[in-house]
Amino acid sequence: MLFLLCWTTFVYYILAYWEWNPSGWLYNLGLYDFAGSGPVHIASGFSALAWSMMLGPRIADTTATERKKLVHFKPHNPFLMCLGTVLIWFGWFAFNGASTANLSLRSIYVVVNTNLAACGGGISWVLIEYIYSRKFSLLGFCSGIISGLVGITPAAGYVPVYVAALVGFLTSIACFYTNKYKYVLSIDEGLDIFAIHGVGGYVGDLLTGLFAANFVPALDGVSGSSYAGGWWNRNFRQLGLQLAGATTCAVWSFVVSCILLFIINKIPGLHIRESEEDELRGLDHKYLHDVDWDDHYTNGWTTPYPQTNDGVPVVSGLSVNRHPEPEPMVTSPAKQD
């Protein structure tokens, strides 16, 4: 909680001021960032990278002292994963669409671009993963959708609809290979925040400089011809501005996050890493009473009844066996002649 308070104060608010306030230097530089790729995605992604590097990888299951590279953990519930992706996908329409602050042709462009980029990102990730494994991946499709949504965030209000799917497609490729080769950085980042949000937001900023068209902002009836566009309108300088803005957000969020984590880790009682015993056992057992009760009193079984010494629940004085044993058969001795 302390890190979140400090992070929003020294990272998010400062980047938001630089990009969106008329007095901010990135705003005056002419950076195109429609819905917050820099303060939101790049900042969170590179802060997650800083946290992963400062925290270190998880302890291996085999020993409490050896820390080795762990394979990427798959989600255990595909239904909840897909449900969450659908909710995020739907919510992104408001996240991007409301950034126009009006109802206009441009806001319609934004929503359509958002949807097309998500589709392009999902298809891209699935196709690349199929090339490597010869199998289709539901996890890959969901990851590609999020990658496409992240990539279109800075570009939604600047690019034509016929390149939105391409933005999502290219962003998803960059996120896929970052996730595939993230072990080079020796980081253990299970949620792929850096790969999808950090790299996705960075690539999205660059693609905005390539495909931004000056007629799209004019559709809101307010901007007019104040935007010069990107390479699409032969404004080749815009790509350099996008590179400068994205790099600024990445470096600032990474460095400040490292400093904050270093200071917090030195405060007594606020260490960023748990003890090896708690980490191996699971943090739920340390912080959640219900899990601790279930482990100690039911041997892993969830039941509202008290237990006997052998772990069998007792209801109103009657013992309820988990696996009732058959009663022994009593046979009478054979009659003798």
C-alpha atoms as a PDB file:
ATOM      1  CA  MET A   1       0.000   0.000   0.000  1.00  0.00           C
ATOM      2  CA  LEU A   2       2.845   2.376   0.770  1.00  0.00           C
ATOM      3  CA  PHE A   3       4.423   1.643  -2.597  1.00  0.00           C
ATOM      4  CA  LEU A   4       1.131   2.327  -4.393  1.00  0.00           C
ATOM      5  CA  LEU A   5       0.787   5.663  -2.628  1.00  0.00           C
ATOM      6  CA  CYS A   6       4.347   6.653  -3.494  1.00  0.00           C
ATOM      7  CA  TRP A   7       4.080   5.293  -7.039  1.00  0.00           C
ATOM      8  CA  THR A   8       0.976   7.273  -7.920  1.00  0.00           C
ATOM      9  CA  THR A   9       2.528  10.401  -6.406  1.00  0.00           C
ATOM     10  CA  PHE A  10       5.983  10.260  -7.961  1.00  0.00           C
ATOM     11  CA  VAL A  11       5.355   8.285 -11.161  1.00  0.00           C
ATOM     12  CA  TYR A  12       1.784   8.455 -12.448  1.00  0.00           C
ATOM     13  CA  TYR A  13       0.920  12.032 -11.502  1.00  0.00           C
ATOM     14  CA  ILE A  14       4.170  13.403 -12.883  1.00  0.00           C
ATOM     15  CA  LEU A  15       3.874  11.545 -16.196  1.00  0.00           C
ATOM     16  CA  ALA A  16       0.224  12.531 -16.519  1.00  0.00           C
ATOM     17  CA  TYR A  17       1.175  16.167 -15.963  1.00  0.00           C
ATOM     18  CA  TRP A  18       3.948  16.002 -18.556  1.00  0.00           C
ATOM     19  CA  GLU A  19       1.672  14.477 -21.202  1.00  0.00           C
ATOM     20  CA  TRP A  20      -1.783  15.946 -20.653  1.00  0.00           C
ATOM     21  CA  ASN A  21      -1.357  19.299 -18.959  1.00  0.00           C
ATOM     22  CA  PRO A  22      -0.923  22.244 -21.386  1.00  0.00           C
ATOM     23  CA  SER A  23       2.128  23.232 -19.341  1.00  0.00           C
ATOM     24  CA  GLY A  24       3.727  19.773 -19.556  1.00  0.00           C
ATOM     25  CA  TRP A  25       6.859  19.520 -21.677  1.00  0.00           C
ATOM     26  CA  LEU A  26       5.749  16.349 -23.481  1.00  0.00           C
ATOM     27  CA  TYR A  27       2.429  18.012 -24.272  1.00  0.00           C
ATOM     28  CA  ASN A  28       4.219  21.010 -25.754  1.00  0.00           C
ATOM     29  CA  LEU A  29       6.638  18.723 -27.558  1.00  0.00           C
ATOM     30  CA  GLY A  30       3.726  17.405 -29.606  1.00  0.00           C
ATOM     31  CA  LEU A  31       3.499  13.834 -28.324  1.00  0.00           C
ATOM     32  CA  TYR A  32       0.483  11.821 -29.503  1.00  0.00           C
ATOM     33  CA  ASP A  33      -0.911   9.678 -26.682  1.00  0.00           C
ATOM     34  CA  PHE A  34      -4.661   9.485 -26.954  1.00  0.00           C
ATOM     35  CA  ALA A  35      -5.777   7.486 -23.909  1.00  0.00           C
ATOM     36  CA  GLY A  36      -2.707   7.175 -21.709  1.00  0.00           C
ATOM     37  CA  SER A  37      -0.176   4.684 -22.989  1.00  0.00           C
ATOM     38  CA  GLY A  38       2.681   6.461 -21.216  1.00  0.00           C
ATOM     39  CA  PRO A  39       1.278   7.206 -17.737  1.00  0.00           C
ATOM     40  CA  VAL A  40      -0.768   3.986 -17.630  1.00  0.00           C
ATOM     41  CA  HIS A  41       0.746   1.111 -19.603  1.00  0.00           C
ATOM     42  CA  ILE A  42       4.401   2.022 -20.059  1.00  0.00           C
ATOM     43  CA  ALA A  43       4.654   3.251 -16.472  1.00  0.00           C
ATOM     44  CA  SER A  44       3.022   0.163 -14.980  1.00  0.00           C
ATOM     45  CA  GLY A  45       4.939  -2.218 -17.243  1.00  0.00           C
ATOM     46  CA  PHE A  46       8.391  -0.842 -16.517  1.00  0.00           C
ATOM     47  CA  SER A  47       7.551  -0.456 -12.831  1.00  0.00           C
ATOM     48  CA  ALA A  48       6.636  -4.148 -12.819  1.00  0.00           C
ATOM     49  CA  LEU A  49      10.018  -4.855 -14.404  1.00  0.00           C
ATOM     50  CA  ALA A  50      11.707  -2.892 -11.622  1.00  0.00           C
ATOM     51  CA  TRP A  51       9.721  -4.772  -8.969  1.00  0.00           C
ATOM     52  CA  SER A  52      10.584  -8.154 -10.511  1.00  0.00           C
ATOM     53  CA  MET A  53      14.281  -7.337 -10.641  1.00  0.00           C
ATOM     54  CA  MET A  54      14.360  -5.962  -7.095  1.00  0.00           C
ATOM     55  CA  LEU A  55      12.299  -8.846  -5.711  1.00  0.00           C
ATOM     56  CA  GLY A  56      14.050 -11.680  -7.521  1.00  0.00           C
ATOM     57  CA  PRO A  57      12.580 -14.960  -8.780  1.00  0.00           C
ATOM     58  CA  ARG A  58      10.415 -17.240  -6.716  1.00  0.00           C
ATOM     59  CA  ILE A  59      12.066 -19.932  -4.648  1.00  0.00           C
ATOM     60  CA  ALA A  60      12.306 -23.243  -6.440  1.00  0.00           C
ATOM     61  CA  ASP A  61      10.076 -26.019  -5.186  1.00  0.00           C
ATOM     62  CA  THR A  62      12.998 -28.388  -4.652  1.00  0.00           C
ATOM     63  CA  THR A  63      15.065 -26.382  -2.180  1.00  0.00           C
ATOM     64  CA  ALA A  64      14.689 -23.318  -0.013  1.00  0.00           C
ATOM     65  CA  THR A  65      18.045 -21.810  -0.969  1.00  0.00           C
ATOM     66  CA  GLU A  66      18.451 -22.388  -4.688  1.00  0.00           C
ATOM     67  CA  ARG A  67      16.734 -19.831  -6.930  1.00  0.00           C
ATOM     68  CA  LYS A  68      16.565 -21.049 -10.482  1.00  0.00           C
ATOM     69  CA  LYS A  69      14.710 -19.909 -13.575  1.00  0.00           C
ATOM     70  CA  LEU A  70      11.107 -21.055 -13.382  1.00  0.00           C
ATOM     71  CA  VAL A  71       8.907 -21.899 -16.317  1.00  0.00           C
ATOM     72  CA  HIS A  72       5.955 -19.666 -17.082  1.00  0.00           C
ATOM     73  CA  PHE A  73       2.977 -20.621 -14.921  1.00  0.00           C
ATOM     74  CA  LYS A  74      -0.238 -21.363 -16.797  1.00  0.00           C
ATOM     75  CA  PRO A  75      -3.580 -20.143 -15.409  1.00  0.00           C
ATOM     76  CA  HIS A  76      -5.525 -22.896 -13.695  1.00  0.00           C
ATOM     77  CA  ASN A  77      -9.026 -21.708 -14.659  1.00  0.00           C
ATOM     78  CA  PRO A  78      -9.550 -21.007 -18.385  1.00  0.00           C
ATOM     79  CA  PHE A  79     -13.168 -19.967 -17.805  1.00  0.00           C
ATOM     80  CA  LEU A  80     -12.276 -17.175 -15.394  1.00  0.00           C
ATOM     81  CA  MET A  81      -9.409 -16.146 -17.658  1.00  0.00           C
ATOM     82  CA  CYS A  82     -11.753 -15.779 -20.640  1.00  0.00           C
ATOM     83  CA  LEU A  83     -14.410 -14.063 -18.547  1.00  0.00           C
ATOM     84  CA  GLY A  84     -11.888 -11.528 -17.307  1.00  0.00           C
ATOM     85  CA  THR A  85     -10.638 -10.920 -20.839  1.00  0.00           C
ATOM     86  CA  VAL A  86     -14.159 -10.281 -22.106  1.00  0.00           C
ATOM     87  CA  LEU A  87     -14.838  -7.834 -19.273  1.00  0.00           C
ATOM     88  CA  ILE A  88     -11.578  -6.006 -19.945  1.00  0.00           C
ATOM     89  CA  TRP A  89     -12.306  -5.943 -23.677  1.00  0.00           C
ATOM     90  CA  PHE A  90     -15.737  -4.446 -23.086  1.00  0.00           C
ATOM     91  CA  GLY A  91     -14.465  -1.944 -20.532  1.00  0.00           C
ATOM     92  CA  TRP A  92     -11.738  -0.780 -22.906  1.00  0.00           C
ATOM     93  CA  PHE A  93     -14.408   0.729 -25.157  1.00  0.00           C
ATOM     94  CA  ALA A  94     -15.170   3.202 -22.385  1.00  0.00           C
ATOM     95  CA  PHE A  95     -11.508   3.564 -21.439  1.00  0.00           C
ATOM     96  CA  ASN A  96     -10.591   4.702 -24.949  1.00  0.00           C
ATOM     97  CA  GLY A  97     -13.921   6.014 -26.192  1.00  0.00           C
ATOM     98  CA  ALA A  98     -14.507   8.383 -23.290  1.00  0.00           C
ATOM     99  CA  SER A  99     -11.148  10.056 -23.900  1.00  0.00           C
ATOM    100  CA  THR A 100     -12.718  12.192 -26.632  1.00  0.00           C
ATOM    101  CA  ALA A 101     -14.883  13.822 -23.931  1.00  0.00           C
ATOM    102  CA  ASN A 102     -17.683  14.151 -26.493  1.00  0.00           C
ATOM    103  CA  LEU A 103     -19.923  12.115 -28.775  1.00  0.00           C
ATOM    104  CA  SER A 104     -18.646  12.572 -32.303  1.00  0.00           C
ATOM    105  CA  LEU A 105     -17.433  10.694 -35.349  1.00  0.00           C
ATOM    106  CA  ARG A 106     -14.031  10.561 -33.723  1.00  0.00           C
ATOM    107  CA  SER A 107     -15.388   8.733 -30.681  1.00  0.00           C
ATOM    108  CA  ILE A 108     -16.972   6.180 -33.023  1.00  0.00           C
ATOM    109  CA  TYR A 109     -13.607   5.822 -34.746  1.00  0.00           C
ATOM    110  CA  VAL A 110     -12.000   5.230 -31.372  1.00  0.00           C
ATOM    111  CA  VAL A 111     -14.377   2.424 -30.399  1.00  0.00           C
ATOM    112  CA  VAL A 112     -14.081   0.703 -33.783  1.00  0.00           C
ATOM    113  CA  ASN A 113     -10.289   1.005 -33.719  1.00  0.00           C
ATOM    114  CA  THR A 114     -10.225  -0.491 -30.239  1.00  0.00           C
ATOM    115  CA  ASN A 115     -12.235  -3.518 -31.292  1.00  0.00           C
ATOM    116  CA  LEU A 116     -10.265  -4.128 -34.491  1.00  0.00           C
ATOM    117  CA  ALA A 117      -6.927  -3.875 -32.688  1.00  0.00           C
ATOM    118  CA  ALA A 118      -8.045  -6.426 -30.094  1.00  0.00           C
ATOM    119  CA  CYS A 119      -9.042  -8.838 -32.853  1.00  0.00           C
ATOM    120  CA  GLY A 120      -5.769  -8.310 -34.698  1.00  0.00           C
ATOM    121  CA  GLY A 121      -3.761  -8.851 -31.537  1.00  0.00           C
ATOM    122  CA  GLY A 122      -5.563 -12.061 -30.622  1.00  0.00           C
ATOM    123  CA  ILE A 123      -5.159 -13.541 -34.103  1.00  0.00           C
ATOM    124  CA  SER A 124      -1.488 -12.568 -34.234  1.00  0.00           C
ATOM    125  CA  TRP A 125      -0.577 -14.233 -30.929  1.00  0.00           C
ATOM    126  CA  VAL A 126      -2.467 -17.432 -31.753  1.00  0.00           C
ATOM    127  CA  LEU A 127      -0.850 -17.742 -35.186  1.00  0.00           C
ATOM    128  CA  ILE A 128       2.683 -17.235 -33.875  1.00  0.00           C
ATOM    129  CA  GLU A 129       2.124 -19.702 -31.043  1.00  0.00           C
ATOM    130  CA  TYR A 130       0.736 -22.218 -33.528  1.00  0.00           C
ATOM    131  CA  ILE A 131       3.926 -21.937 -35.580  1.00  0.00           C
ATOM    132  CA  TYR A 132       5.981 -22.996 -32.557  1.00  0.00           C
ATOM    133  CA  SER A 133       3.708 -25.580 -30.919  1.00  0.00           C
ATOM    134  CA  ARG A 134       1.308 -26.636 -33.706  1.00  0.00           C
ATOM    135  CA  LYS A 135      -1.501 -26.077 -31.225  1.00  0.00           C
ATOM    136  CA  PHE A 136      -3.994 -23.302 -30.644  1.00  0.00           C
ATOM    137  CA  SER A 137      -3.860 -21.599 -27.261  1.00  0.00           C
ATOM    138  CA  LEU A 138      -6.752 -20.016 -25.415  1.00  0.00           C
ATOM    139  CA  LEU A 139      -4.279 -18.295 -23.115  1.00  0.00           C
ATOM    140  CA  GLY A 140      -2.430 -16.961 -26.155  1.00  0.00           C
ATOM    141  CA  PHE A 141      -5.635 -15.598 -27.655  1.00  0.00           C
ATOM    142  CA  CYS A 142      -6.490 -13.742 -24.452  1.00  0.00           C
ATOM    143  CA  SER A 143      -2.934 -12.416 -24.136  1.00  0.00           C
ATOM    144  CA  GLY A 144      -3.038 -11.240 -27.744  1.00  0.00           C
ATOM    145  CA  ILE A 145      -6.325  -9.432 -27.179  1.00  0.00           C
ATOM    146  CA  ILE A 146      -4.890  -7.509 -24.233  1.00  0.00           C
ATOM    147  CA  SER A 147      -1.735  -6.748 -26.235  1.00  0.00           C
ATOM    148  CA  GLY A 148      -3.794  -5.323 -29.080  1.00  0.00           C
ATOM    149  CA  LEU A 149      -5.844  -3.218 -26.683  1.00  0.00           C
ATOM    150  CA  VAL A 150      -2.688  -1.839 -25.088  1.00  0.00           C
ATOM    151  CA  GLY A 151      -1.156  -1.062 -28.476  1.00  0.00           C
ATOM    152  CA  ILE A 152      -4.189   0.854 -29.726  1.00  0.00           C
ATOM    153  CA  THR A 153      -4.518   2.934 -26.550  1.00  0.00           C
ATOM    154  CA  PRO A 154      -2.242   5.776 -27.727  1.00  0.00           C
ATOM    155  CA  ALA A 155      -3.362   5.466 -31.352  1.00  0.00           C
ATOM    156  CA  ALA A 156      -7.133   5.008 -31.135  1.00  0.00           C
ATOM    157  CA  GLY A 157      -7.956   8.663 -31.786  1.00  0.00           C
ATOM    158  CA  TYR A 158      -5.285   9.228 -34.429  1.00  0.00           C
ATOM    159  CA  VAL A 159      -5.153   6.277 -36.853  1.00  0.00           C
ATOM    160  CA  PRO A 160      -7.654   5.325 -39.588  1.00  0.00           C
ATOM    161  CA  VAL A 161      -9.824   2.272 -39.042  1.00  0.00           C
ATOM    162  CA  TYR A 162      -8.133   0.321 -41.822  1.00  0.00           C
ATOM    163  CA  VAL A 163      -4.815   0.198 -39.945  1.00  0.00           C
ATOM    164  CA  ALA A 164      -6.165  -0.437 -36.432  1.00  0.00           C
ATOM    165  CA  ALA A 165      -6.022  -4.226 -36.824  1.00  0.00           C
ATOM    166  CA  LEU A 166      -2.442  -3.888 -38.073  1.00  0.00           C
ATOM    167  CA  VAL A 167      -1.515  -1.903 -34.958  1.00  0.00           C
ATOM    168  CA  GLY A 168      -2.876  -4.694 -32.763  1.00  0.00           C
ATOM    169  CA  PHE A 169      -1.212  -7.341 -34.924  1.00  0.00           C
ATOM    170  CA  LEU A 170       2.252  -5.766 -34.732  1.00  0.00           C
ATOM    171  CA  THR A 171       1.970  -4.954 -31.034  1.00  0.00           C
ATOM    172  CA  SER A 172       1.013  -8.534 -30.249  1.00  0.00           C
ATOM    173  CA  ILE A 173       4.090  -9.819 -32.092  1.00  0.00           C
ATOM    174  CA  ALA A 174       6.367  -7.620 -29.982  1.00  0.00           C
ATOM    175  CA  CYS A 175       4.635  -8.702 -26.762  1.00  0.00           C
ATOM    176  CA  PHE A 176       4.812 -12.379 -27.711  1.00  0.00           C
ATOM    177  CA  TYR A 177       8.552 -12.388 -28.278  1.00  0.00           C
ATOM    178  CA  THR A 178       9.193 -10.294 -25.185  1.00  0.00           C
ATOM    179  CA  ASN A 179       7.284 -12.863 -23.160  1.00  0.00           C
ATOM    180  CA  LYS A 180       9.067 -15.728 -24.886  1.00  0.00           C
ATOM    181  CA  TYR A 181      12.569 -14.407 -24.228  1.00  0.00           C
ATOM    182  CA  LYS A 182      12.064 -12.564 -20.963  1.00  0.00           C
ATOM    183  CA  TYR A 183      14.272 -15.144 -19.243  1.00  0.00           C
ATOM    184  CA  VAL A 184      17.237 -13.279 -20.767  1.00  0.00           C
ATOM    185  CA  LEU A 185      16.604 -10.590 -18.143  1.00  0.00           C
ATOM    186  CA  SER A 186      16.499 -13.280 -15.405  1.00  0.00           C
ATOM    187  CA  ILE A 187      13.147 -12.037 -14.159  1.00  0.00           C
ATOM    188  CA  ASP A 188      10.217 -14.016 -12.787  1.00  0.00           C
ATOM    189  CA  GLU A 189       7.171 -11.936 -13.688  1.00  0.00           C
ATOM    190  CA  GLY A 190       4.136 -14.184 -13.649  1.00  0.00           C
ATOM    191  CA  LEU A 191       1.515 -11.670 -14.801  1.00  0.00           C
ATOM    192  CA  ASP A 192       3.511 -10.539 -17.866  1.00  0.00           C
ATOM    193  CA  ILE A 193       2.843  -6.899 -17.044  1.00  0.00           C
ATOM    194  CA  PHE A 194       6.164  -5.828 -18.527  1.00  0.00           C
ATOM    195  CA  ALA A 195       5.781  -7.896 -21.698  1.00  0.00           C
ATOM    196  CA  ILE A 196       2.184  -6.925 -22.448  1.00  0.00           C
ATOM    197  CA  HIS A 197       1.731  -3.471 -20.939  1.00  0.00           C
ATOM    198  CA  GLY A 198       5.277  -2.104 -20.902  1.00  0.00           C
ATOM    199  CA  VAL A 199       6.422  -3.298 -24.316  1.00  0.00           C
ATOM    200  CA  GLY A 200       2.914  -3.106 -25.772  1.00  0.00           C
ATOM    201  CA  GLY A 201       2.509   0.518 -24.738  1.00  0.00           C
ATOM    202  CA  TYR A 202       5.986   1.390 -26.011  1.00  0.00           C
ATOM    203  CA  VAL A 203       5.371  -0.197 -29.416  1.00  0.00           C
ATOM    204  CA  GLY A 204       1.917   1.385 -29.575  1.00  0.00           C
ATOM    205  CA  ASP A 205       3.459   4.817 -29.108  1.00  0.00           C
ATOM    206  CA  LEU A 206       5.851   4.208 -31.996  1.00  0.00           C
ATOM    207  CA  LEU A 207       3.121   2.864 -34.273  1.00  0.00           C
ATOM    208  CA  THR A 208       1.098   5.989 -33.529  1.00  0.00           C
ATOM    209  CA  GLY A 209       3.935   8.034 -34.995  1.00  0.00           C
ATOM    210  CA  LEU A 210       3.817   5.880 -38.122  1.00  0.00           C
ATOM    211  CA  PHE A 211       0.094   5.635 -38.809  1.00  0.00           C
ATOM    212  CA  ALA A 212      -1.383   8.833 -37.303  1.00  0.00           C
ATOM    213  CA  ALA A 213      -3.508  10.679 -39.880  1.00  0.00           C
ATOM    214  CA  ASN A 214      -4.462  14.317 -39.432  1.00  0.00           C
ATOM    215  CA  PHE A 215      -8.045  13.831 -40.634  1.00  0.00           C
ATOM    216  CA  VAL A 216      -8.957  11.534 -37.715  1.00  0.00           C
ATOM    217  CA  PRO A 217      -8.619  14.111 -34.880  1.00  0.00           C
ATOM    218  CA  ALA A 218     -10.555  16.600 -36.997  1.00  0.00           C
ATOM    219  CA  LEU A 219     -13.609  14.330 -36.828  1.00  0.00           C
ATOM    220  CA  ASP A 220     -14.429  15.563 -33.321  1.00  0.00           C
ATOM    221  CA  GLY A 221     -15.240  19.018 -34.676  1.00  0.00           C
ATOM    222  CA  VAL A 222     -12.855  20.657 -32.214  1.00  0.00           C
ATOM    223  CA  SER A 223      -9.271  19.795 -33.090  1.00  0.00           C
ATOM    224  CA  GLY A 224      -9.466  20.982 -36.689  1.00  0.00           C
ATOM    225  CA  SER A 225      -6.097  20.972 -38.454  1.00  0.00           C
ATOM    226  CA  SER A 226      -4.006  21.368 -35.300  1.00  0.00           C
ATOM    227  CA  TYR A 227      -2.521  17.869 -35.732  1.00  0.00           C
ATOM    228  CA  ALA A 228       0.105  17.294 -38.402  1.00  0.00           C
ATOM    229  CA  GLY A 229      -0.235  13.510 -38.322  1.00  0.00           C
ATOM    230  CA  GLY A 230       2.615  11.030 -38.555  1.00  0.00           C
ATOM    231  CA  TRP A 231       4.410   9.269 -41.364  1.00  0.00           C
ATOM    232  CA  TRP A 232       0.983   8.741 -42.888  1.00  0.00           C
ATOM    233  CA  ASN A 233       1.014  12.483 -43.684  1.00  0.00           C
ATOM    234  CA  ARG A 234       4.776  12.605 -44.297  1.00  0.00           C
ATOM    235  CA  ASN A 235       5.400  14.142 -40.899  1.00  0.00           C
ATOM    236  CA  PHE A 236       8.537  12.072 -40.317  1.00  0.00           C
ATOM    237  CA  ARG A 237       9.493  14.055 -37.231  1.00  0.00           C
ATOM    238  CA  GLN A 238       6.580  12.606 -35.280  1.00  0.00           C
ATOM    239  CA  LEU A 239       8.175   9.181 -34.911  1.00  0.00           C
ATOM    240  CA  GLY A 240      11.128  10.753 -33.119  1.00  0.00           C
ATOM    241  CA  LEU A 241       8.784  12.616 -30.792  1.00  0.00           C
ATOM    242  CA  GLN A 242       6.943   9.384 -30.012  1.00  0.00           C
ATOM    243  CA  LEU A 243      10.231   7.618 -29.315  1.00  0.00           C
ATOM    244  CA  ALA A 244      11.323  10.400 -26.966  1.00  0.00           C
ATOM    245  CA  GLY A 245       8.019  10.385 -25.088  1.00  0.00           C
ATOM    246  CA  ALA A 246       7.833   6.602 -24.701  1.00  0.00           C
ATOM    247  CA  THR A 247      11.456   6.372 -23.577  1.00  0.00           C
ATOM    248  CA  THR A 248      10.940   9.156 -21.049  1.00  0.00           C
ATOM    249  CA  CYS A 249       7.971   7.361 -19.495  1.00  0.00           C
ATOM    250  CA  ALA A 250       9.836   4.043 -19.431  1.00  0.00           C
ATOM    251  CA  VAL A 251      13.028   5.376 -17.868  1.00  0.00           C
ATOM    252  CA  TRP A 252      11.271   7.594 -15.324  1.00  0.00           C
ATOM    253  CA  SER A 253       8.921   4.877 -14.096  1.00  0.00           C
ATOM    254  CA  PHE A 254      11.697   2.260 -13.915  1.00  0.00           C
ATOM    255  CA  VAL A 255      14.235   4.411 -12.078  1.00  0.00           C
ATOM    256  CA  VAL A 256      11.763   5.949  -9.633  1.00  0.00           C
ATOM    257  CA  SER A 257      10.233   2.540  -8.874  1.00  0.00           C
ATOM    258  CA  CYS A 258      13.678   1.094  -8.118  1.00  0.00           C
ATOM    259  CA  ILE A 259      14.415   3.988  -5.763  1.00  0.00           C
ATOM    260  CA  LEU A 260      11.063   3.632  -3.992  1.00  0.00           C
ATOM    261  CA  LEU A 261      11.469  -0.123  -3.576  1.00  0.00           C
ATOM    262  CA  PHE A 262      15.016   0.272  -2.264  1.00  0.00           C
ATOM    263  CA  ILE A 263      13.890   2.799   0.359  1.00  0.00           C
ATOM    264  CA  ILE A 264      10.802   0.816   1.391  1.00  0.00           C
ATOM    265  CA  ASN A 265      12.857  -2.360   1.725  1.00  0.00           C
ATOM    266  CA  LYS A 266      15.119  -0.610   4.255  1.00  0.00           C
ATOM    267  CA  ILE A 267      12.218   0.423   6.504  1.00  0.00           C
ATOM    268  CA  PRO A 268      11.797  -2.025   9.435  1.00  0.00           C
ATOM    269  CA  GLY A 269       8.709  -4.166   8.979  1.00  0.00           C
ATOM    270  CA  LEU A 270       8.242  -3.196   5.324  1.00  0.00           C
ATOM    271  CA  HIS A 271      10.476  -5.680   3.537  1.00  0.00           C
ATOM    272  CA  ILE A 272       9.293  -6.334  -0.015  1.00  0.00           C
ATOM    273  CA  ARG A 273      10.009 -10.072   0.254  1.00  0.00           C
ATOM    274  CA  GLU A 274       8.649 -12.621   2.686  1.00  0.00           C
ATOM    275  CA  SER A 275      10.693 -15.203   4.531  1.00  0.00           C
ATOM    276  CA  GLU A 276      11.576 -18.398   2.700  1.00  0.00           C
ATOM    277  CA  GLU A 277       9.331 -20.425   5.012  1.00  0.00           C
ATOM    278  CA  ASP A 278       6.266 -18.265   4.300  1.00  0.00           C
ATOM    279  CA  GLU A 279       7.040 -18.140   0.598  1.00  0.00           C
ATOM    280  CA  LEU A 280       7.327 -21.902   0.270  1.00  0.00           C
ATOM    281  CA  ARG A 281       4.195 -22.524   2.328  1.00  0.00           C
ATOM    282  CA  GLY A 282       2.175 -19.844   0.552  1.00  0.00           C
ATOM    283  CA  LEU A 283       1.252 -16.319   1.588  1.00  0.00           C
ATOM    284  CA  ASP A 284      -2.414 -17.265   1.953  1.00  0.00           C
ATOM    285  CA  HIS A 285      -1.513 -19.292   5.026  1.00  0.00           C
ATOM    286  CA  LYS A 286       0.124 -16.252   6.605  1.00  0.00           C
ATOM    287  CA  TYR A 287      -2.455 -13.561   5.876  1.00  0.00           C
ATOM    288  CA  LEU A 288      -5.809 -15.364   5.442  1.00  0.00           C
ATOM    289  CA  HIS A 289      -7.383 -16.900   8.539  1.00  0.00           C
ATOM    290  CA  ASP A 290      -9.764 -19.165   6.629  1.00  0.00           C
ATOM    291  CA  VAL A 291      -6.962 -20.889   4.771  1.00  0.00           C
ATOM    292  CA  ASP A 292      -5.018 -21.366   7.991  1.00  0.00           C
ATOM    293  CA  TRP A 293      -8.071 -22.854   9.748  1.00  0.00           C
ATOM    294  CA  ASP A 294      -8.731 -25.182   6.863  1.00  0.00           C
ATOM    295  CA  ASP A 295      -5.153 -26.416   6.842  1.00  0.00           C
ATOM    296  CA  HIS A 296      -4.771 -27.050  10.573  1.00  0.00           C
ATOM    297  CA  TYR A 297      -8.178 -28.424  11.499  1.00  0.00           C
ATOM    298  CA  THR A 298      -9.407 -30.290   8.456  1.00  0.00           C
ATOM    299  CA  ASN A 299      -6.174 -31.439   6.835  1.00  0.00           C
ATOM    300  CA  GLY A 300      -7.119 -29.628   3.652  1.00  0.00           C
ATOM    301  CA  TRP A 301     -10.852 -30.520   3.713  1.00  0.00           C
ATOM    302  CA  THR A 302     -13.383 -27.702   3.973  1.00  0.00           C
ATOM    303  CA  THR A 303     -16.125 -28.571   6.474  1.00  0.00           C
ATOM    304  CA  PRO A 304     -18.152 -26.602   9.040  1.00  0.00           C
ATOM    305  CA  TYR A 305     -17.962 -29.365  11.614  1.00  0.00           C
ATOM    306  CA  PRO A 306     -15.321 -29.990  14.294  1.00  0.00           C
ATOM    307  CA  GLN A 307     -12.879 -32.794  13.712  1.00  0.00           C
ATOM    308  CA  THR A 308     -11.854 -35.844  15.627  1.00  0.00           C
ATOM    309  CA  ASN A 309      -8.226 -36.757  16.110  1.00  0.00           C
ATOM    310  CA  ASP A 310      -8.215 -38.870  12.967  1.00  0.00           C
ATOM    311  CA  GLY A 311      -9.661 -36.075  10.813  1.00  0.00           C
ATOM    312  CA  VAL A 312     -13.199 -37.521  10.583  1.00  0.00           C
ATOM    313  CA  PRO A 313     -15.975 -34.935  11.154  1.00  0.00           C
ATOM    314  CA  VAL A 314     -18.441 -35.422  13.990  1.00  0.00           C
ATOM    315  CA  VAL A 315     -22.090 -34.370  13.588  1.00  0.00           C
ATOM    316  CA  SER A 316     -24.317 -34.515  16.655  1.00  0.00           C
ATOM    317  CA  GLY A 317     -22.180 -37.179  18.203  1.00  0.00           C
ATOM    318  CA  LEU A 318     -22.213 -39.339  15.072  1.00  0.00           C
ATOM    319  CA  SER A 319     -19.003 -40.031  13.211  1.00  0.00           C
ATOM    320  CA  VAL A 320     -19.214 -39.430   9.454  1.00  0.00           C
ATOM    321  CA  ASN A 321     -16.630 -41.389   7.540  1.00  0.00           C
ATOM    322  CA  ARG A 322     -15.246 -39.936   4.307  1.00  0.00           C
ATOM    323  CA  HIS A 323     -14.885 -43.361   2.802  1.00  0.00           C
ATOM    324  CA  PRO A 324     -17.062 -45.747   4.777  1.00  0.00           C
ATOM    325  CA  GLU A 325     -15.596 -49.183   4.992  1.00  0.00           C
ATOM    326  CA  PRO A 326     -17.821 -52.186   4.261  1.00  0.00           C
ATOM    327  CA  GLU A 327     -18.938 -54.149   7.273  1.00  0.00           C
ATOM    328  CA  PRO A 328     -17.061 -57.418   7.680  1.00  0.00           C
ATOM    329  CA  MET A 329     -18.983 -60.484   6.642  1.00  0.00           C
ATOM    330  CA  VAL A 330     -19.663 -62.910   9.480  1.00  0.00           C
ATOM    331  CA  THR A 331     -19.776 -66.482   8.392  1.00  0.00           C
ATOM    332  CA  SER A 332     -20.906 -69.342  10.571  1.00  0.00           C
ATOM    333  CA  PRO A 333     -18.652 -72.342  10.874  1.00  0.00           C
ATOM    334  CA  ALA A 334     -19.573 -75.239   8.697  1.00  0.00           C
ATOM    335  CA  LYS A 335     -21.628 -77.912  10.329  1.00  0.00           C
ATOM    336  CA  GLN A 336     -19.759 -81.050  11.102  1.00  0.00           C
ATOM    337  CA  ASP A 337     -21.251 -84.362  10.412  1.00  0.00           C
END
